[in-house]
């Protein structure tokens, strides 16, 4: 693959006004097209669509996998950012006093694949991960020894 192209993902939300405040306000994602049923957001260059889901909130059951001693919510969506953009977003989220599922931290510090990551939930309970790599060329670097992968 010679260049990355924007992804498109659509997620369910229970309230478009809350989604607009969270994605447009707190995350500062510019809004694109919208209707009474959905809103397009520019999530760091990607098409991220919030679709109104009117059924009960309990329908969104998350599963958690253990990674680095943290319960990582599955499914989750996110974006790989530049390091400085990640730091700025982490600070903005802290300034808004958002509750993190996993507080911002550095994985594999000083190693291949060093990355910053954080997880949070949107107002509808959708799990989001934002991460950054010290060296973006290591995005797909395998940090697990072959013996452990078998």
N, C-alpha and C. Protein backbone atom coordinates (compact mmCIF):
# COMPACT_ATOMS: atom_id res chain seq x y z
N UNK A 1 0.84 -1.17 0.00
CA UNK A 1 0.00 0.00 0.00
C UNK A 1 0.89 1.24 0.00
N UNK A 2 0.73 2.09 -0.97
CA UNK A 2 1.62 3.23 -1.11
C UNK A 2 1.21 4.43 -0.27
N UNK A 3 -0.07 4.60 0.01
CA UNK A 3 -0.47 5.71 0.86
C UNK A 3 -1.74 5.33 1.60
N UNK A 4 -1.91 5.94 2.75
CA UNK A 4 -3.13 5.70 3.52
C UNK A 4 -4.25 6.56 2.99
N UNK A 5 -5.42 5.99 2.97
CA UNK A 5 -6.61 6.74 2.59
C UNK A 5 -7.56 6.78 3.78
N UNK A 6 -8.47 7.75 3.81
CA UNK A 6 -9.36 7.86 4.96
C UNK A 6 -10.26 6.63 5.11
N UNK A 7 -10.48 6.24 6.35
CA UNK A 7 -11.44 5.18 6.59
C UNK A 7 -12.82 5.79 6.78
N UNK A 8 -13.83 4.94 6.71
CA UNK A 8 -15.21 5.32 7.00
C UNK A 8 -15.72 4.33 8.04
N UNK A 9 -16.26 4.85 9.11
CA UNK A 9 -16.88 3.98 10.10
C UNK A 9 -18.15 4.67 10.59
N UNK A 10 -19.18 3.88 10.83
CA UNK A 10 -20.44 4.38 11.35
C UNK A 10 -20.71 3.70 12.69
N UNK A 11 -21.10 4.50 13.67
CA UNK A 11 -21.35 3.98 15.01
C UNK A 11 -22.75 4.36 15.47
N UNK A 12 -23.32 3.58 16.38
CA UNK A 12 -24.63 3.94 16.92
C UNK A 12 -24.48 4.93 18.08
N UNK A 13 -25.35 5.91 18.13
CA UNK A 13 -25.42 6.85 19.27
C UNK A 13 -26.87 6.95 19.70
N UNK A 14 -27.07 7.28 20.97
CA UNK A 14 -28.42 7.37 21.53
C UNK A 14 -28.98 8.77 21.48
N UNK A 15 -28.12 9.75 21.23
CA UNK A 15 -28.57 11.13 21.25
C UNK A 15 -27.64 11.94 20.34
N UNK A 16 -28.18 12.50 19.27
CA UNK A 16 -27.34 13.26 18.33
C UNK A 16 -26.83 14.55 18.93
N UNK A 17 -27.59 15.18 19.81
CA UNK A 17 -27.13 16.41 20.46
C UNK A 17 -25.90 16.12 21.32
N UNK A 18 -25.92 15.02 22.08
CA UNK A 18 -24.76 14.62 22.88
C UNK A 18 -23.57 14.28 21.98
N UNK A 19 -23.85 13.56 20.87
CA UNK A 19 -22.79 13.20 19.94
C UNK A 19 -22.15 14.45 19.35
N UNK A 20 -22.97 15.41 18.97
CA UNK A 20 -22.47 16.67 18.41
C UNK A 20 -21.61 17.41 19.44
N UNK A 21 -22.05 17.45 20.69
CA UNK A 21 -21.28 18.13 21.74
C UNK A 21 -19.95 17.42 21.99
N UNK A 22 -19.96 16.09 21.99
CA UNK A 22 -18.74 15.33 22.27
C UNK A 22 -17.77 15.37 21.09
N UNK A 23 -18.23 14.92 19.91
CA UNK A 23 -17.34 14.83 18.76
C UNK A 23 -17.02 16.21 18.18
N UNK A 24 -18.02 17.04 18.05
CA UNK A 24 -17.80 18.37 17.50
C UNK A 24 -17.20 19.34 18.50
N UNK A 25 -17.68 19.28 19.74
CA UNK A 25 -17.22 20.22 20.77
C UNK A 25 -15.92 19.81 21.43
N UNK A 26 -15.94 18.70 22.16
CA UNK A 26 -14.77 18.28 22.93
C UNK A 26 -13.64 17.79 22.03
N UNK A 27 -13.94 16.87 21.10
CA UNK A 27 -12.89 16.36 20.21
C UNK A 27 -12.55 17.33 19.09
N UNK A 28 -13.38 18.34 18.88
CA UNK A 28 -13.18 19.37 17.86
C UNK A 28 -13.13 18.80 16.45
N UNK A 29 -14.01 17.85 16.17
CA UNK A 29 -14.12 17.27 14.84
C UNK A 29 -15.10 18.10 14.02
N UNK A 30 -14.67 18.66 12.90
CA UNK A 30 -15.59 19.43 12.06
C UNK A 30 -16.76 18.56 11.60
N UNK A 31 -17.92 19.17 11.55
CA UNK A 31 -19.12 18.46 11.12
C UNK A 31 -19.29 18.59 9.62
N UNK A 32 -19.68 17.50 9.00
CA UNK A 32 -19.98 17.50 7.57
C UNK A 32 -21.49 17.47 7.37
N UNK A 33 -21.94 16.60 6.50
CA UNK A 33 -23.37 16.47 6.26
C UNK A 33 -24.06 15.90 7.49
N UNK A 34 -25.38 16.16 7.59
CA UNK A 34 -26.14 15.59 8.68
C UNK A 34 -27.61 15.52 8.31
N UNK A 35 -28.36 14.77 9.09
CA UNK A 35 -29.81 14.69 8.95
C UNK A 35 -30.38 14.55 10.36
N UNK A 36 -31.64 14.25 10.46
CA UNK A 36 -32.24 14.02 11.77
C UNK A 36 -31.85 12.64 12.31
N UNK A 37 -31.19 11.81 11.50
CA UNK A 37 -30.83 10.45 11.88
C UNK A 37 -29.32 10.21 12.00
N UNK A 38 -28.49 11.10 11.47
CA UNK A 38 -27.05 10.87 11.48
C UNK A 38 -26.28 12.18 11.32
N UNK A 39 -25.00 12.14 11.71
CA UNK A 39 -24.08 13.27 11.56
C UNK A 39 -22.74 12.73 11.08
N UNK A 40 -22.20 13.33 10.02
CA UNK A 40 -20.83 13.04 9.57
C UNK A 40 -19.87 13.94 10.34
N UNK A 41 -18.78 13.35 10.83
CA UNK A 41 -17.72 14.13 11.46
C UNK A 41 -16.39 13.83 10.75
N UNK A 42 -15.53 14.83 10.69
CA UNK A 42 -14.18 14.66 10.19
C UNK A 42 -13.32 14.32 11.40
N UNK A 43 -13.07 13.05 11.62
CA UNK A 43 -12.29 12.59 12.77
C UNK A 43 -10.84 12.47 12.33
N UNK A 44 -10.11 13.57 12.44
CA UNK A 44 -8.70 13.61 12.06
C UNK A 44 -8.49 13.12 10.63
N UNK A 45 -9.36 13.58 9.72
CA UNK A 45 -9.23 13.25 8.31
C UNK A 45 -10.01 12.02 7.87
N UNK A 46 -10.75 11.40 8.77
CA UNK A 46 -11.51 10.19 8.46
C UNK A 46 -13.00 10.47 8.61
N UNK A 47 -13.81 9.76 7.81
CA UNK A 47 -15.25 9.96 7.85
C UNK A 47 -15.84 9.08 8.95
N UNK A 48 -16.31 9.74 9.99
CA UNK A 48 -16.83 9.09 11.19
C UNK A 48 -18.28 9.52 11.32
N UNK A 49 -19.21 8.56 11.24
CA UNK A 49 -20.63 8.89 11.18
C UNK A 49 -21.34 8.38 12.43
N UNK A 50 -22.04 9.29 13.10
CA UNK A 50 -22.85 8.94 14.26
C UNK A 50 -24.28 8.74 13.79
N UNK A 51 -24.78 7.51 13.91
CA UNK A 51 -26.15 7.18 13.50
C UNK A 51 -27.02 7.03 14.74
N UNK A 52 -28.18 7.66 14.73
CA UNK A 52 -29.10 7.60 15.85
C UNK A 52 -29.65 6.17 16.00
N UNK A 53 -29.52 5.66 17.21
CA UNK A 53 -30.05 4.34 17.55
C UNK A 53 -30.99 4.56 18.73
N UNK A 54 -32.25 4.29 18.54
CA UNK A 54 -33.23 4.64 19.56
C UNK A 54 -33.52 3.52 20.54
N UNK A 55 -32.94 2.33 20.37
CA UNK A 55 -33.18 1.25 21.32
C UNK A 55 -32.41 1.49 22.61
N UNK A 56 -32.66 0.68 23.60
CA UNK A 56 -32.09 0.86 24.93
C UNK A 56 -30.56 0.87 24.92
N UNK A 57 -29.97 1.67 25.81
CA UNK A 57 -28.52 1.77 25.93
C UNK A 57 -27.88 0.44 26.32
N UNK A 58 -28.60 -0.42 27.00
CA UNK A 58 -28.05 -1.69 27.46
C UNK A 58 -27.64 -2.60 26.31
N UNK A 59 -28.08 -2.29 25.09
CA UNK A 59 -27.74 -3.11 23.92
C UNK A 59 -26.25 -3.07 23.61
N UNK A 60 -25.53 -2.05 24.05
CA UNK A 60 -24.10 -1.89 23.73
C UNK A 60 -23.26 -2.55 24.82
N UNK A 61 -23.13 -3.85 24.76
CA UNK A 61 -22.33 -4.57 25.74
C UNK A 61 -20.88 -4.62 25.26
N UNK A 62 -19.97 -4.12 26.07
CA UNK A 62 -18.55 -4.17 25.73
C UNK A 62 -17.92 -5.41 26.37
N UNK A 63 -16.93 -5.92 25.71
CA UNK A 63 -16.10 -7.01 26.22
C UNK A 63 -14.75 -6.37 26.55
N UNK A 64 -14.03 -6.89 27.52
CA UNK A 64 -12.73 -6.34 27.88
C UNK A 64 -11.66 -7.42 27.79
N UNK A 65 -10.56 -7.12 27.08
CA UNK A 65 -9.40 -8.00 27.01
C UNK A 65 -8.27 -7.36 27.81
N UNK A 66 -7.50 -8.17 28.51
CA UNK A 66 -6.39 -7.66 29.29
C UNK A 66 -5.17 -7.39 28.40
N UNK A 67 -4.68 -6.15 28.45
CA UNK A 67 -3.48 -5.73 27.73
C UNK A 67 -2.69 -4.84 28.68
N UNK A 68 -1.47 -5.19 28.97
CA UNK A 68 -0.62 -4.42 29.88
C UNK A 68 -1.29 -4.19 31.23
N UNK A 69 -2.10 -5.14 31.67
CA UNK A 69 -2.78 -4.99 32.96
C UNK A 69 -3.99 -4.08 32.92
N UNK A 70 -4.41 -3.67 31.74
CA UNK A 70 -5.59 -2.82 31.58
C UNK A 70 -6.69 -3.61 30.88
N UNK A 71 -7.93 -3.33 31.22
CA UNK A 71 -9.06 -3.91 30.52
C UNK A 71 -9.37 -3.10 29.28
N UNK A 72 -8.97 -3.58 28.11
CA UNK A 72 -9.19 -2.87 26.85
C UNK A 72 -10.60 -3.20 26.33
N UNK A 73 -11.43 -2.17 26.12
CA UNK A 73 -12.79 -2.42 25.65
C UNK A 73 -12.82 -2.86 24.19
N UNK A 74 -13.65 -3.87 23.92
CA UNK A 74 -13.83 -4.39 22.57
C UNK A 74 -15.33 -4.46 22.30
N UNK A 75 -15.82 -3.93 21.20
CA UNK A 75 -15.06 -3.28 20.15
C UNK A 75 -14.67 -1.86 20.56
N UNK A 76 -13.69 -1.33 19.84
CA UNK A 76 -13.34 0.08 19.97
C UNK A 76 -12.87 0.61 18.62
N UNK A 77 -12.93 1.91 18.48
CA UNK A 77 -12.56 2.60 17.24
C UNK A 77 -11.55 3.66 17.61
N UNK A 78 -10.77 4.12 16.66
CA UNK A 78 -9.83 5.16 16.98
C UNK A 78 -9.01 5.61 15.81
N UNK A 79 -8.05 6.46 16.14
CA UNK A 79 -7.19 7.07 15.14
C UNK A 79 -5.77 7.08 15.68
N UNK A 80 -4.81 6.84 14.78
CA UNK A 80 -3.40 7.01 15.10
C UNK A 80 -3.04 8.45 14.74
N UNK A 81 -2.58 9.19 15.72
CA UNK A 81 -2.26 10.61 15.55
C UNK A 81 -0.76 10.84 15.56
N UNK A 82 -0.37 12.04 15.17
CA UNK A 82 1.01 12.48 15.38
C UNK A 82 1.21 12.63 16.89
N UNK A 83 2.44 12.44 17.38
CA UNK A 83 2.72 12.44 18.82
C UNK A 83 2.22 13.74 19.49
N UNK A 84 2.54 14.88 18.91
CA UNK A 84 2.14 16.16 19.49
C UNK A 84 0.62 16.33 19.49
N UNK A 85 -0.04 15.87 18.43
CA UNK A 85 -1.50 15.94 18.38
C UNK A 85 -2.12 15.06 19.46
N UNK A 86 -1.53 13.89 19.70
CA UNK A 86 -2.02 13.00 20.75
C UNK A 86 -1.88 13.68 22.11
N UNK A 87 -0.71 14.28 22.35
CA UNK A 87 -0.49 14.96 23.63
C UNK A 87 -1.50 16.09 23.82
N UNK A 88 -1.76 16.87 22.77
CA UNK A 88 -2.73 17.97 22.85
C UNK A 88 -4.13 17.44 23.12
N UNK A 89 -4.52 16.35 22.44
CA UNK A 89 -5.84 15.77 22.66
C UNK A 89 -5.96 15.23 24.08
N UNK A 90 -4.95 14.53 24.56
CA UNK A 90 -4.98 14.00 25.92
C UNK A 90 -5.19 15.13 26.93
N UNK A 91 -4.49 16.24 26.73
CA UNK A 91 -4.64 17.37 27.65
C UNK A 91 -6.04 17.97 27.55
N UNK A 92 -6.56 18.10 26.34
CA UNK A 92 -7.91 18.66 26.15
C UNK A 92 -8.95 17.78 26.84
N UNK A 93 -8.82 16.47 26.72
CA UNK A 93 -9.75 15.56 27.36
C UNK A 93 -9.66 15.66 28.88
N UNK A 94 -8.44 15.78 29.39
CA UNK A 94 -8.25 15.97 30.84
C UNK A 94 -8.87 17.30 31.28
N UNK A 95 -8.67 18.35 30.48
CA UNK A 95 -9.22 19.66 30.81
C UNK A 95 -10.75 19.63 30.89
N UNK A 96 -11.36 18.75 30.06
CA UNK A 96 -12.82 18.60 30.07
C UNK A 96 -13.25 17.62 31.16
N UNK A 97 -12.28 17.11 31.93
CA UNK A 97 -12.51 16.19 33.04
C UNK A 97 -13.28 14.94 32.60
N UNK A 98 -12.94 14.45 31.40
CA UNK A 98 -13.55 13.21 30.92
C UNK A 98 -12.97 12.03 31.69
N UNK A 99 -13.81 11.05 31.91
CA UNK A 99 -13.37 9.83 32.57
C UNK A 99 -12.78 8.91 31.51
N UNK A 100 -11.58 8.45 31.73
CA UNK A 100 -10.92 7.53 30.81
C UNK A 100 -11.21 6.09 31.23
N UNK A 101 -11.37 5.22 30.25
CA UNK A 101 -11.40 3.78 30.52
C UNK A 101 -9.97 3.36 30.86
N UNK A 102 -9.01 3.86 30.07
CA UNK A 102 -7.58 3.68 30.33
C UNK A 102 -6.94 5.04 30.18
N UNK A 103 -6.37 5.53 31.27
CA UNK A 103 -5.70 6.84 31.28
C UNK A 103 -4.58 6.87 30.23
N UNK A 104 -4.28 8.04 29.70
CA UNK A 104 -3.17 8.16 28.74
C UNK A 104 -1.86 7.62 29.34
N UNK A 105 -1.18 6.77 28.57
CA UNK A 105 0.11 6.25 29.02
C UNK A 105 0.94 5.81 27.81
N UNK A 106 2.20 5.48 28.06
CA UNK A 106 3.14 5.08 27.01
C UNK A 106 3.38 3.57 27.12
N UNK A 107 3.20 2.87 25.99
CA UNK A 107 3.47 1.44 25.91
C UNK A 107 4.82 1.24 25.23
N UNK A 108 5.50 0.19 25.59
CA UNK A 108 6.77 -0.20 24.95
C UNK A 108 7.79 0.95 24.97
N UNK A 109 7.81 1.69 26.06
CA UNK A 109 8.70 2.85 26.13
C UNK A 109 10.15 2.45 25.88
N UNK A 110 10.79 3.15 24.94
CA UNK A 110 12.17 2.90 24.58
C UNK A 110 12.38 1.63 23.77
N UNK A 111 11.28 0.99 23.32
CA UNK A 111 11.36 -0.25 22.57
C UNK A 111 10.75 -0.07 21.17
N UNK A 112 10.90 -1.10 20.35
CA UNK A 112 10.24 -1.11 19.05
C UNK A 112 8.73 -0.98 19.28
N UNK A 113 8.09 -0.14 18.53
CA UNK A 113 6.64 0.03 18.65
C UNK A 113 6.21 0.96 19.77
N UNK A 114 7.15 1.77 20.32
CA UNK A 114 6.77 2.69 21.39
C UNK A 114 5.58 3.53 20.96
N UNK A 115 4.57 3.55 21.83
CA UNK A 115 3.34 4.26 21.47
C UNK A 115 2.66 4.85 22.70
N UNK A 116 1.94 5.91 22.45
CA UNK A 116 1.09 6.53 23.46
C UNK A 116 -0.33 6.09 23.17
N UNK A 117 -1.10 5.81 24.20
CA UNK A 117 -2.47 5.35 23.99
C UNK A 117 -3.37 5.83 25.12
N UNK A 118 -4.65 5.91 24.81
CA UNK A 118 -5.68 6.23 25.81
C UNK A 118 -7.02 5.73 25.28
N UNK A 119 -7.90 5.37 26.21
CA UNK A 119 -9.24 4.88 25.86
C UNK A 119 -10.28 5.67 26.64
N UNK A 120 -11.40 5.95 25.98
CA UNK A 120 -12.52 6.60 26.64
C UNK A 120 -13.81 6.18 25.96
N UNK A 121 -14.92 6.49 26.58
CA UNK A 121 -16.23 6.19 26.02
C UNK A 121 -16.90 7.49 25.60
N UNK A 122 -17.63 7.44 24.48
CA UNK A 122 -18.43 8.59 24.10
C UNK A 122 -19.73 8.56 24.93
N UNK A 123 -20.58 9.57 24.83
CA UNK A 123 -21.79 9.59 25.66
C UNK A 123 -22.74 8.41 25.43
N UNK A 124 -22.60 7.71 24.30
CA UNK A 124 -23.45 6.54 24.03
C UNK A 124 -22.77 5.23 24.42
N UNK A 125 -21.59 5.30 25.00
CA UNK A 125 -20.88 4.10 25.43
C UNK A 125 -20.00 3.46 24.39
N UNK A 126 -19.77 4.13 23.25
CA UNK A 126 -18.85 3.61 22.24
C UNK A 126 -17.42 3.84 22.72
N UNK A 127 -16.61 2.81 22.65
CA UNK A 127 -15.23 2.89 23.11
C UNK A 127 -14.34 3.44 22.00
N UNK A 128 -13.48 4.40 22.37
CA UNK A 128 -12.56 5.04 21.44
C UNK A 128 -11.13 4.90 21.96
N UNK A 129 -10.20 4.65 21.04
CA UNK A 129 -8.78 4.65 21.38
C UNK A 129 -8.09 5.66 20.49
N UNK A 130 -7.26 6.47 21.10
CA UNK A 130 -6.39 7.37 20.34
C UNK A 130 -4.97 7.00 20.70
N UNK A 131 -4.14 6.87 19.67
CA UNK A 131 -2.75 6.48 19.91
C UNK A 131 -1.82 7.25 19.00
N UNK A 132 -0.55 7.21 19.33
CA UNK A 132 0.50 7.83 18.52
C UNK A 132 1.75 6.98 18.67
N UNK A 133 2.57 6.96 17.62
CA UNK A 133 3.83 6.22 17.64
C UNK A 133 5.00 7.19 17.60
N UNK A 134 6.03 6.90 18.37
CA UNK A 134 7.26 7.70 18.29
C UNK A 134 7.82 7.62 16.87
N UNK A 135 7.73 6.44 16.26
CA UNK A 135 8.19 6.22 14.89
C UNK A 135 7.06 5.55 14.14
N UNK A 136 6.33 6.31 13.32
CA UNK A 136 5.15 5.80 12.63
C UNK A 136 5.47 4.62 11.73
N UNK A 137 6.72 4.46 11.32
CA UNK A 137 7.07 3.30 10.48
C UNK A 137 6.94 2.00 11.27
N UNK A 138 6.81 2.08 12.59
CA UNK A 138 6.67 0.90 13.43
C UNK A 138 5.20 0.58 13.74
N UNK A 139 4.28 1.21 13.02
CA UNK A 139 2.85 0.99 13.23
C UNK A 139 2.50 -0.49 13.25
N UNK A 140 3.07 -1.27 12.36
CA UNK A 140 2.75 -2.70 12.28
C UNK A 140 3.91 -3.57 12.75
N UNK A 141 4.86 -2.99 13.46
CA UNK A 141 6.01 -3.77 13.95
C UNK A 141 5.51 -4.83 14.93
N UNK A 142 6.03 -6.04 14.79
CA UNK A 142 5.64 -7.12 15.68
C UNK A 142 6.57 -7.11 16.88
N UNK A 143 6.00 -6.86 18.05
CA UNK A 143 6.78 -6.80 19.28
C UNK A 143 6.68 -8.09 20.09
N UNK A 144 5.91 -9.06 19.58
CA UNK A 144 5.75 -10.33 20.27
C UNK A 144 6.70 -11.35 19.66
N UNK A 145 7.52 -12.01 20.47
CA UNK A 145 8.42 -13.04 19.92
C UNK A 145 7.61 -14.13 19.21
N UNK A 146 8.17 -14.67 18.14
CA UNK A 146 7.50 -15.70 17.34
C UNK A 146 7.02 -16.85 18.21
N UNK A 147 7.80 -17.29 19.16
CA UNK A 147 7.44 -18.42 20.04
C UNK A 147 6.13 -18.13 20.77
N UNK A 148 5.89 -16.88 21.16
CA UNK A 148 4.68 -16.50 21.89
C UNK A 148 3.46 -16.41 20.99
N UNK A 149 3.67 -16.29 19.68
CA UNK A 149 2.55 -16.15 18.74
C UNK A 149 2.00 -17.49 18.29
N UNK A 150 2.67 -18.56 18.60
CA UNK A 150 2.26 -19.89 18.12
C UNK A 150 1.31 -20.53 19.12
